[in-house]
Amino acid sequence: MNALRVNSYTERWAALGNALPNPKAILSVSAHWYIQDAAVTVSTAPRTIHDFGVFPRELYQVQLGGFIRNKSA
């Protein structure tokens, strides 16, 4: 599983991430929640939700830190 390995594929993605400027904002849309109405959640430090199964235990230990650097974002 590439998400847990260091190889030419993941090294290229890392290089691309380092070469691009930091985003001012990130929009994430999920179809995994079943609620009656549309909803918006805003957080400066959202927690990582592992909503998948049958993957290596190490993948569940990955925590993606997120925060807003610029309040105008």
C-alpha atoms as a PDB file:
ATOM      1  CA  MET A   1       0.000   0.000   0.000  1.00  0.00           C
ATOM      2  CA  ASN A   2       1.616   3.228  -1.196  1.00  0.00           C
ATOM      3  CA  ALA A   3       0.251   5.304   1.684  1.00  0.00           C
ATOM      4  CA  LEU A   4       2.592   3.443   4.044  1.00  0.00           C
ATOM      5  CA  ARG A   5       5.654   3.020   1.819  1.00  0.00           C
ATOM      6  CA  VAL A   6       8.556   5.102   0.655  1.00  0.00           C
ATOM      7  CA  ASN A   7       9.097   4.443  -3.046  1.00  0.00           C
ATOM      8  CA  SER A   8       9.462   6.365  -6.300  1.00  0.00           C
ATOM      9  CA  TYR A   9       5.709   6.924  -6.456  1.00  0.00           C
ATOM     10  CA  THR A  10       5.405   8.430  -2.961  1.00  0.00           C
ATOM     11  CA  GLU A  11       8.658  10.363  -3.379  1.00  0.00           C
ATOM     12  CA  ARG A  12       7.260  12.050  -6.513  1.00  0.00           C
ATOM     13  CA  TRP A  13       4.072  13.026  -4.673  1.00  0.00           C
ATOM     14  CA  ALA A  14       6.151  14.422  -1.794  1.00  0.00           C
ATOM     15  CA  ALA A  15       8.296  16.416  -4.233  1.00  0.00           C
ATOM     16  CA  LEU A  16       5.175  17.828  -5.892  1.00  0.00           C
ATOM     17  CA  GLY A  17       3.742  18.801  -2.498  1.00  0.00           C
ATOM     18  CA  ASN A  18       6.983  20.565  -1.590  1.00  0.00           C
ATOM     19  CA  ALA A  19       7.109  22.394  -4.933  1.00  0.00           C
ATOM     20  CA  LEU A  20       3.555  23.782  -4.803  1.00  0.00           C
ATOM     21  CA  PRO A  21       2.648  26.865  -2.740  1.00  0.00           C
ATOM     22  CA  ASN A  22       0.638  26.321   0.444  1.00  0.00           C
ATOM     23  CA  PRO A  23      -3.110  26.641  -0.179  1.00  0.00           C
ATOM     24  CA  LYS A  24      -5.082  29.433   1.462  1.00  0.00           C
ATOM     25  CA  ALA A  25      -7.986  27.057   2.071  1.00  0.00           C
ATOM     26  CA  ILE A  26      -9.003  23.470   1.503  1.00  0.00           C
ATOM     27  CA  LEU A  27     -12.545  22.360   0.746  1.00  0.00           C
ATOM     28  CA  SER A  28     -13.423  18.764   1.473  1.00  0.00           C
ATOM     29  CA  VAL A  29     -16.784  17.343   0.447  1.00  0.00           C
ATOM     30  CA  SER A  30     -17.884  13.989   1.827  1.00  0.00           C
ATOM     31  CA  ALA A  31     -20.810  11.831   0.824  1.00  0.00           C
ATOM     32  CA  HIS A  32     -20.331   9.548   3.811  1.00  0.00           C
ATOM     33  CA  TRP A  33     -22.743  11.230   6.201  1.00  0.00           C
ATOM     34  CA  TYR A  34     -26.429  10.462   6.079  1.00  0.00           C
ATOM     35  CA  ILE A  35     -28.361  13.411   7.458  1.00  0.00           C
ATOM     36  CA  GLN A  36     -31.629  14.982   6.395  1.00  0.00           C
ATOM     37  CA  ASP A  37     -30.213  18.423   5.542  1.00  0.00           C
ATOM     38  CA  ALA A  38     -26.961  19.786   4.170  1.00  0.00           C
ATOM     39  CA  ALA A  39     -24.484  20.881   6.832  1.00  0.00           C
ATOM     40  CA  VAL A  40     -21.182  22.724   7.055  1.00  0.00           C
ATOM     41  CA  THR A  41     -18.533  22.078   9.675  1.00  0.00           C
ATOM     42  CA  VAL A  42     -15.651  24.483  10.247  1.00  0.00           C
ATOM     43  CA  SER A  43     -12.617  23.597  12.330  1.00  0.00           C
ATOM     44  CA  THR A  44      -9.100  24.983  12.671  1.00  0.00           C
ATOM     45  CA  ALA A  45      -7.866  21.532  13.730  1.00  0.00           C
ATOM     46  CA  PRO A  46     -10.099  18.803  12.299  1.00  0.00           C
ATOM     47  CA  ARG A  47      -9.486  15.268  13.515  1.00  0.00           C
ATOM     48  CA  THR A  48      -8.677  12.481  11.097  1.00  0.00           C
ATOM     49  CA  ILE A  49     -11.649  10.192  10.528  1.00  0.00           C
ATOM     50  CA  HIS A  50     -10.773   6.657   9.483  1.00  0.00           C
ATOM     51  CA  ASP A  51     -13.966   5.616   7.728  1.00  0.00           C
ATOM     52  CA  PHE A  52     -12.668   2.547   5.987  1.00  0.00           C
ATOM     53  CA  GLY A  53     -12.044  -1.073   6.811  1.00  0.00           C
ATOM     54  CA  VAL A  54      -9.832  -4.037   5.984  1.00  0.00           C
ATOM     55  CA  PHE A  55      -6.606  -2.051   5.746  1.00  0.00           C
ATOM     56  CA  PRO A  56      -3.279  -2.463   7.539  1.00  0.00           C
ATOM     57  CA  ARG A  57      -3.301  -1.376  11.201  1.00  0.00           C
ATOM     58  CA  GLU A  58      -0.567   1.199  10.464  1.00  0.00           C
ATOM     59  CA  LEU A  59      -2.952   3.134   8.223  1.00  0.00           C
ATOM     60  CA  TYR A  60      -5.334   3.712  11.134  1.00  0.00           C
ATOM     61  CA  GLN A  61      -2.480   5.299  13.084  1.00  0.00           C
ATOM     62  CA  VAL A  62      -1.973   8.050  10.488  1.00  0.00           C
ATOM     63  CA  GLN A  63      -3.192  11.392  11.821  1.00  0.00           C
ATOM     64  CA  LEU A  64      -3.321  14.303   9.383  1.00  0.00           C
ATOM     65  CA  GLY A  65      -2.860  17.553  11.262  1.00  0.00           C
ATOM     66  CA  GLY A  66      -4.829  20.455   9.927  1.00  0.00           C
ATOM     67  CA  PHE A  67      -4.993  24.084  10.921  1.00  0.00           C
ATOM     68  CA  ILE A  68      -5.767  27.456   9.453  1.00  0.00           C
ATOM     69  CA  ARG A  69      -2.703  29.691   9.162  1.00  0.00           C
ATOM     70  CA  ASN A  70      -4.474  32.720   7.791  1.00  0.00           C
ATOM     71  CA  LYS A  71      -7.773  33.836   9.321  1.00  0.00           C
ATOM     72  CA  SER A  72      -8.868  35.291   5.960  1.00  0.00           C
ATOM     73  CA  ALA A  73      -8.936  31.758   4.558  1.00  0.00           C
END
